[in-house]
N, C-alpha and C. Protein backbone atom coordinates (compact mmCIF):
# COMPACT_ATOMS: atom_id res chain seq x y z
N MET A 1 -2.40 -53.45 72.74
CA MET A 1 -3.13 -53.46 71.55
C MET A 1 -2.71 -52.37 70.69
N VAL A 2 -2.45 -51.15 71.16
CA VAL A 2 -1.97 -50.07 70.40
C VAL A 2 -0.62 -49.45 70.79
N GLY A 3 0.09 -50.20 71.74
CA GLY A 3 1.41 -49.95 72.13
C GLY A 3 1.65 -48.69 72.81
N VAL A 4 0.66 -48.40 73.84
CA VAL A 4 0.84 -47.27 74.69
C VAL A 4 1.29 -47.75 76.07
N SER A 5 1.78 -46.83 76.93
CA SER A 5 2.11 -47.04 78.21
C SER A 5 0.80 -47.57 79.07
N SER A 6 1.10 -48.32 80.05
CA SER A 6 0.04 -48.73 80.86
C SER A 6 -0.58 -47.63 81.72
N ARG A 7 0.15 -46.59 81.75
CA ARG A 7 -0.25 -45.50 82.49
C ARG A 7 -0.95 -44.34 81.66
N THR A 8 -1.12 -44.65 80.38
CA THR A 8 -1.83 -43.70 79.47
C THR A 8 -3.24 -43.86 79.73
N SER A 9 -4.01 -42.70 79.69
CA SER A 9 -5.47 -42.78 79.76
C SER A 9 -6.03 -43.26 78.47
N CYS A 10 -7.01 -44.16 78.53
CA CYS A 10 -7.56 -44.79 77.33
C CYS A 10 -8.79 -44.01 76.74
N ARG A 11 -9.19 -43.03 77.48
CA ARG A 11 -10.41 -42.33 77.04
C ARG A 11 -10.25 -41.93 75.56
N GLN A 12 -9.19 -41.29 75.19
CA GLN A 12 -9.09 -40.83 73.80
C GLN A 12 -8.87 -42.03 72.97
N LEU A 13 -8.19 -43.07 73.38
CA LEU A 13 -8.08 -44.16 72.54
C LEU A 13 -9.29 -44.90 72.16
N PHE A 14 -10.29 -44.87 73.16
CA PHE A 14 -11.69 -45.51 72.91
C PHE A 14 -12.28 -44.67 71.73
N LYS A 15 -12.10 -43.37 71.81
CA LYS A 15 -12.71 -42.47 70.69
C LYS A 15 -12.11 -42.77 69.40
N GLU A 16 -10.80 -42.82 69.40
CA GLU A 16 -10.02 -43.05 68.13
C GLU A 16 -10.35 -44.34 67.45
N LEU A 17 -10.60 -45.43 68.29
CA LEU A 17 -10.68 -46.80 67.80
C LEU A 17 -12.20 -47.14 67.62
N ASN A 18 -13.15 -46.10 67.92
CA ASN A 18 -14.56 -46.34 67.85
C ASN A 18 -14.97 -47.57 68.69
N ILE A 19 -14.44 -47.52 69.95
CA ILE A 19 -14.79 -48.61 70.84
C ILE A 19 -15.60 -48.07 71.97
N LEU A 20 -16.80 -48.51 72.29
CA LEU A 20 -17.58 -48.08 73.47
C LEU A 20 -16.95 -48.64 74.74
N THR A 21 -16.88 -47.73 75.79
CA THR A 21 -16.43 -48.27 77.07
C THR A 21 -17.52 -49.15 77.66
N LEU A 22 -17.22 -49.85 78.65
CA LEU A 22 -18.16 -50.73 79.32
C LEU A 22 -19.49 -49.92 79.70
N ALA A 23 -19.24 -48.83 80.32
CA ALA A 23 -20.36 -47.94 80.83
C ALA A 23 -21.07 -47.38 79.71
N SER A 24 -20.48 -47.07 78.59
CA SER A 24 -21.22 -46.57 77.35
C SER A 24 -21.98 -47.63 76.74
N LEU A 25 -21.36 -48.79 76.70
CA LEU A 25 -22.14 -50.14 76.19
C LEU A 25 -23.29 -50.26 76.93
N TYR A 26 -23.19 -50.30 78.24
CA TYR A 26 -24.40 -50.42 79.13
C TYR A 26 -25.52 -49.39 78.87
N ILE A 27 -25.11 -48.18 78.83
CA ILE A 27 -26.08 -47.03 78.48
C ILE A 27 -26.70 -47.27 77.22
N PHE A 28 -25.94 -47.66 76.12
CA PHE A 28 -26.39 -47.93 74.84
C PHE A 28 -27.51 -49.08 74.83
N GLU A 29 -27.25 -50.11 75.45
CA GLU A 29 -28.19 -51.24 75.62
C GLU A 29 -29.48 -50.90 76.40
N VAL A 30 -29.26 -50.28 77.58
CA VAL A 30 -30.46 -50.01 78.37
C VAL A 30 -31.27 -48.95 77.68
N THR A 31 -30.77 -48.00 77.07
CA THR A 31 -31.45 -46.91 76.46
C THR A 31 -32.23 -47.49 75.22
N ALA A 32 -31.58 -48.31 74.36
CA ALA A 32 -32.21 -48.82 73.23
C ALA A 32 -33.49 -49.61 73.66
N LYS A 33 -33.35 -50.44 74.77
CA LYS A 33 -34.35 -51.29 75.13
C LYS A 33 -35.42 -50.35 75.78
N THR A 34 -35.13 -49.30 76.38
CA THR A 34 -36.19 -48.34 76.84
C THR A 34 -36.93 -47.82 75.72
N GLU A 35 -36.33 -47.46 74.63
CA GLU A 35 -36.99 -46.82 73.42
C GLU A 35 -37.97 -47.91 72.88
N ILE A 36 -37.60 -49.18 72.86
CA ILE A 36 -38.40 -50.26 72.37
C ILE A 36 -39.63 -50.43 73.33
N TYR A 37 -39.34 -50.44 74.55
CA TYR A 37 -40.40 -50.80 75.60
C TYR A 37 -40.80 -49.61 76.37
N LYS A 38 -41.14 -48.49 75.83
CA LYS A 38 -41.32 -47.19 76.46
C LYS A 38 -42.50 -47.38 77.46
N LYS A 39 -43.43 -48.32 77.22
CA LYS A 39 -44.46 -48.32 78.22
C LYS A 39 -44.21 -49.18 79.46
N SER A 40 -43.14 -50.06 79.42
CA SER A 40 -42.85 -50.86 80.51
C SER A 40 -42.01 -49.95 81.47
N VAL A 41 -41.96 -50.33 82.70
CA VAL A 41 -41.17 -49.58 83.72
C VAL A 41 -39.77 -50.40 83.94
N ILE A 42 -38.81 -49.61 83.37
CA ILE A 42 -37.50 -50.09 83.57
C ILE A 42 -36.70 -48.90 84.21
N ASN A 43 -36.47 -48.99 85.59
CA ASN A 43 -36.04 -47.90 86.28
C ASN A 43 -34.81 -47.27 85.74
N MET A 44 -33.77 -47.97 85.59
CA MET A 44 -32.53 -47.43 85.12
C MET A 44 -32.63 -46.94 83.69
N GLY A 45 -33.27 -47.75 82.90
CA GLY A 45 -33.38 -47.40 81.46
C GLY A 45 -34.17 -46.08 81.43
N THR A 46 -35.15 -45.82 82.38
CA THR A 46 -35.79 -44.56 82.22
C THR A 46 -34.89 -43.31 82.69
N LYS A 47 -34.11 -43.60 83.69
CA LYS A 47 -33.15 -42.50 84.15
C LYS A 47 -32.20 -42.17 83.07
N VAL A 48 -31.71 -43.24 82.49
CA VAL A 48 -30.59 -43.04 81.35
C VAL A 48 -31.42 -42.38 80.17
N TYR A 49 -32.45 -42.82 79.77
CA TYR A 49 -33.18 -42.22 78.66
C TYR A 49 -33.50 -40.77 78.82
N ASN A 50 -33.94 -40.42 80.16
CA ASN A 50 -34.33 -39.03 80.48
C ASN A 50 -33.06 -38.08 80.47
N ASN A 51 -31.95 -38.70 80.65
CA ASN A 51 -30.61 -37.88 80.59
C ASN A 51 -30.01 -37.64 79.25
N LEU A 52 -30.67 -38.31 78.20
CA LEU A 52 -30.09 -38.12 76.90
C LEU A 52 -30.39 -36.73 76.36
N PRO A 53 -29.50 -36.16 75.49
CA PRO A 53 -29.60 -34.92 74.85
C PRO A 53 -31.05 -34.89 74.10
N GLU A 54 -31.63 -33.83 73.97
CA GLU A 54 -32.93 -33.66 73.31
C GLU A 54 -32.85 -34.22 71.87
N PHE A 55 -31.70 -33.82 71.15
CA PHE A 55 -31.75 -34.27 69.73
C PHE A 55 -31.73 -35.71 69.53
N LEU A 56 -31.44 -36.52 70.49
CA LEU A 56 -31.56 -37.99 70.46
C LEU A 56 -33.00 -38.44 70.71
N LYS A 57 -33.62 -37.79 71.67
CA LYS A 57 -34.91 -38.25 72.09
C LYS A 57 -35.92 -37.73 70.90
N GLU A 58 -35.51 -36.98 70.09
CA GLU A 58 -36.48 -36.43 69.06
C GLU A 58 -36.43 -37.36 67.81
N ILE A 59 -35.56 -38.32 67.72
CA ILE A 59 -35.34 -39.31 66.64
C ILE A 59 -36.53 -40.30 66.64
N ASP A 60 -37.23 -40.39 65.69
CA ASP A 60 -38.44 -41.29 65.58
C ASP A 60 -37.99 -42.75 65.10
N ASP A 61 -37.12 -42.81 64.16
CA ASP A 61 -36.60 -44.06 63.53
C ASP A 61 -35.72 -44.78 64.43
N TYR A 62 -36.03 -46.03 64.75
CA TYR A 62 -35.28 -46.80 65.77
C TYR A 62 -33.77 -47.03 65.25
N LYS A 63 -33.64 -47.39 64.02
CA LYS A 63 -32.33 -47.57 63.49
C LYS A 63 -31.44 -46.32 63.65
N ALA A 64 -32.13 -45.25 63.19
CA ALA A 64 -31.42 -43.90 63.28
C ALA A 64 -31.03 -43.60 64.67
N PHE A 65 -31.94 -43.86 65.53
CA PHE A 65 -31.75 -43.58 67.03
C PHE A 65 -30.59 -44.37 67.48
N LYS A 66 -30.51 -45.65 67.21
CA LYS A 66 -29.33 -46.43 67.70
C LYS A 66 -28.12 -45.97 67.08
N LYS A 67 -28.03 -45.57 65.83
CA LYS A 67 -26.84 -45.04 65.10
C LYS A 67 -26.41 -43.78 65.78
N GLU A 68 -27.28 -42.83 66.03
CA GLU A 68 -26.91 -41.55 66.64
C GLU A 68 -26.50 -41.67 68.12
N LEU A 69 -27.14 -42.69 68.78
CA LEU A 69 -26.92 -42.83 70.17
C LEU A 69 -25.44 -43.43 70.34
N LYS A 70 -25.10 -44.32 69.43
CA LYS A 70 -23.74 -45.07 69.41
C LYS A 70 -22.73 -43.93 69.20
N LEU A 71 -22.89 -43.17 68.18
CA LEU A 71 -22.00 -42.06 67.85
C LEU A 71 -21.84 -41.14 69.06
N PHE A 72 -22.93 -40.68 69.71
CA PHE A 72 -22.88 -39.80 70.85
C PHE A 72 -21.99 -40.47 71.99
N LEU A 73 -22.28 -41.78 72.28
CA LEU A 73 -21.52 -42.49 73.32
C LEU A 73 -20.07 -42.62 72.95
N LEU A 74 -19.67 -42.86 71.73
CA LEU A 74 -18.36 -43.06 71.29
C LEU A 74 -17.64 -41.62 71.52
N LEU A 75 -18.25 -40.61 71.16
CA LEU A 75 -17.64 -39.36 71.42
C LEU A 75 -17.52 -39.00 72.90
N GLN A 76 -18.29 -39.39 73.85
CA GLN A 76 -18.30 -39.04 75.19
C GLN A 76 -17.28 -40.05 75.96
N SER A 77 -17.20 -41.41 75.46
CA SER A 77 -16.47 -42.35 76.28
C SER A 77 -16.64 -42.27 77.76
N PHE A 78 -17.92 -42.45 78.23
CA PHE A 78 -18.10 -42.50 79.75
C PHE A 78 -17.49 -43.65 80.37
N TYR A 79 -16.87 -43.40 81.52
CA TYR A 79 -16.23 -44.42 82.31
C TYR A 79 -17.14 -44.99 83.31
N SER A 80 -18.26 -44.40 83.62
CA SER A 80 -19.22 -44.92 84.58
C SER A 80 -20.64 -44.41 84.10
N VAL A 81 -21.59 -45.22 84.52
CA VAL A 81 -23.07 -44.97 84.24
C VAL A 81 -23.25 -43.65 85.07
N GLY A 82 -22.75 -43.56 86.28
CA GLY A 82 -22.97 -42.36 87.13
C GLY A 82 -22.45 -41.11 86.47
N GLU A 83 -21.36 -41.18 85.82
CA GLU A 83 -20.81 -40.05 85.06
C GLU A 83 -21.81 -39.51 84.04
N PHE A 84 -22.52 -40.41 83.40
CA PHE A 84 -23.58 -40.05 82.50
C PHE A 84 -24.93 -39.50 83.15
N VAL A 85 -25.38 -40.32 84.14
CA VAL A 85 -26.66 -40.07 84.64
C VAL A 85 -26.62 -38.77 85.69
N PHE A 86 -25.54 -38.64 86.21
CA PHE A 86 -25.37 -37.57 87.36
C PHE A 86 -24.48 -36.37 86.85
N SER A 87 -24.27 -36.17 85.64
CA SER A 87 -23.58 -35.13 85.02
C SER A 87 -24.48 -33.91 84.74
């Protein structure tokens, strides 16, 4: 797609192209759903939400929250959910 060697790490390319990794996309979806359904018990969503930086958890507006969450995940380019949850 961008003409790099197959041995090149894609982590920086994900950032440059504003593409969420599969793990980051999963975190984004689970966390957004947890924000909507705070009262329901979603085990992984709760773990992911609890590991978010405080500045994200303080955002009250849902659209602003999703936008900032996506920017955060784009900058981090997590390769696994474990990398996020257990870091």
